[in-house]
Amino acid sequence: MRQGARALGVPAESLPPIEEDETADACVVWSINLPSVLAFLECDTQWRAVAGMGGLIWLGLDYTAVLATLNSRPRAERRQHPTRKLFADIRLMEDTALAIRNEERDDA
């Protein structure tokens, strides 16, 4: 995480303190990103996939269902964290998740 932050020019003093082993299968989520990460996790059942010869091929999220999920949040939450911002963040996370999910299939 710290190497990636340095590559992006994030000052070391802006990074959260290291509390966990960086080799662990977990990551630190900055509080500014937490609403987007939680929204992405809420959409976990909205993935589209097809069966192929080598197993499942992940196509991406069902955007209609994702937007329905985001729009079902309480009004105060939607004002604080607008749907269009969360949707844009979810699409970025989806892109990375797709590469990982389909890479796992390729390795099998």
Protein backbone atom coordinates (compact mmCIF):
# COMPACT_ATOMS: atom_id res chain seq x y z
CA MET A 1 0.00 0.00 0.00
CA ARG A 2 2.70 2.47 0.94
CA GLN A 3 4.66 1.88 -2.26
CA GLY A 4 1.54 2.55 -4.33
CA ALA A 5 0.81 5.71 -2.37
CA ARG A 6 4.38 6.92 -2.87
CA ALA A 7 4.11 6.25 -6.61
CA LEU A 8 1.00 8.45 -6.68
CA GLY A 9 2.78 11.23 -4.81
CA VAL A 10 0.86 10.85 -1.54
CA PRO A 11 2.96 12.32 1.30
CA ALA A 12 3.94 9.79 3.97
CA GLU A 13 2.35 11.95 6.69
CA SER A 14 -1.03 11.57 4.95
CA LEU A 15 -0.97 7.79 5.23
CA PRO A 16 -2.65 6.02 8.13
CA PRO A 17 -0.36 4.39 10.69
CA ILE A 18 0.50 0.76 10.02
CA GLU A 19 -1.40 -1.36 12.52
CA GLU A 20 -1.48 -4.64 10.62
CA ASP A 21 1.03 -6.84 8.89
CA GLU A 22 1.15 -5.55 5.30
CA THR A 23 1.49 -9.13 4.07
CA ALA A 24 -1.84 -10.11 5.67
CA ASP A 25 -4.89 -10.78 3.48
CA ALA A 26 -6.52 -7.51 4.55
CA CYS A 27 -6.21 -3.86 3.73
CA VAL A 28 -6.74 -0.50 5.33
CA VAL A 29 -9.62 1.53 3.91
CA TRP A 30 -9.26 5.26 4.36
CA SER A 31 -12.35 6.84 5.88
CA ILE A 32 -12.88 9.00 2.79
CA ASN A 33 -13.23 5.81 0.70
CA LEU A 34 -15.33 3.84 3.17
CA PRO A 35 -18.78 4.81 1.76
CA SER A 36 -17.72 3.68 -1.73
CA VAL A 37 -16.24 0.40 -0.48
CA LEU A 38 -19.36 -0.36 1.57
CA ALA A 39 -21.59 0.43 -1.43
CA PHE A 40 -19.49 -1.90 -3.60
CA LEU A 41 -19.82 -4.67 -1.03
CA GLU A 42 -23.61 -4.13 -0.89
CA CYS A 43 -23.70 -4.89 -4.62
CA ASP A 44 -21.89 -8.21 -4.23
CA THR A 45 -24.94 -10.22 -5.34
CA GLN A 46 -25.33 -8.18 -8.54
CA TRP A 47 -22.53 -9.76 -10.61
CA ARG A 48 -23.31 -11.15 -14.06
CA ALA A 49 -21.50 -14.26 -15.17
CA VAL A 50 -21.83 -16.90 -17.88
CA ALA A 51 -20.70 -20.51 -17.86
CA GLY A 52 -17.86 -21.25 -20.23
CA MET A 53 -15.78 -24.30 -20.96
CA GLY A 54 -13.27 -23.32 -18.29
CA GLY A 55 -15.81 -22.25 -15.67
CA LEU A 56 -17.53 -18.97 -14.97
CA ILE A 57 -16.69 -15.92 -17.03
CA TRP A 58 -17.41 -12.76 -15.07
CA LEU A 59 -19.02 -10.05 -17.21
CA GLY A 60 -19.49 -7.28 -14.67
CA LEU A 61 -22.11 -5.81 -12.42
CA ASP A 62 -25.77 -5.44 -13.36
CA TYR A 63 -25.87 -1.63 -13.40
CA THR A 64 -29.66 -1.46 -13.10
CA ALA A 65 -29.49 -3.48 -9.89
CA VAL A 66 -26.52 -1.47 -8.63
CA LEU A 67 -28.39 1.81 -9.16
CA ALA A 68 -31.48 0.37 -7.45
CA THR A 69 -29.31 -0.59 -4.49
CA LEU A 70 -27.73 2.86 -4.33
CA ASN A 71 -31.07 4.65 -4.70
CA SER A 72 -32.63 2.58 -1.91
CA ARG A 73 -30.35 4.20 0.68
CA PRO A 74 -31.91 6.65 3.13
CA ARG A 75 -32.32 10.17 1.77
CA ALA A 76 -29.81 11.69 4.21
CA GLU A 77 -27.18 9.17 3.14
CA ARG A 78 -27.87 9.88 -0.54
CA ARG A 79 -27.38 13.60 0.11
CA GLN A 80 -24.11 13.02 1.97
CA HIS A 81 -22.79 10.48 -0.56
CA PRO A 82 -24.39 11.13 -3.97
CA THR A 83 -25.34 8.14 -6.09
CA ARG A 84 -23.39 9.36 -9.13
CA LYS A 85 -20.15 9.57 -7.10
CA LEU A 86 -20.60 6.13 -5.54
CA PHE A 87 -21.56 4.65 -8.91
CA ALA A 88 -18.39 6.02 -10.50
CA ASP A 89 -16.30 4.58 -7.66
CA ILE A 90 -18.07 1.21 -7.92
CA ARG A 91 -17.31 1.05 -11.64
CA LEU A 92 -13.61 1.60 -10.91
CA MET A 93 -13.62 -1.18 -8.31
CA GLU A 94 -15.59 -3.39 -10.68
CA ASP A 95 -12.91 -3.02 -13.35
CA THR A 96 -10.20 -4.23 -10.99
CA ALA A 97 -12.40 -6.99 -9.53
CA LEU A 98 -13.22 -8.27 -13.03
CA ALA A 99 -9.55 -8.63 -13.88
CA ILE A 100 -8.93 -10.55 -10.65
CA ARG A 101 -12.01 -12.79 -10.95
CA ASN A 102 -11.29 -13.71 -14.56
CA GLU A 103 -7.56 -14.15 -13.85
CA GLU A 104 -8.45 -16.77 -11.23
CA ARG A 105 -10.43 -18.61 -13.90
CA ASP A 106 -7.50 -18.45 -16.31
CA ASP A 107 -5.17 -19.95 -13.68
CA ALA A 108 -7.40 -22.98 -13.08
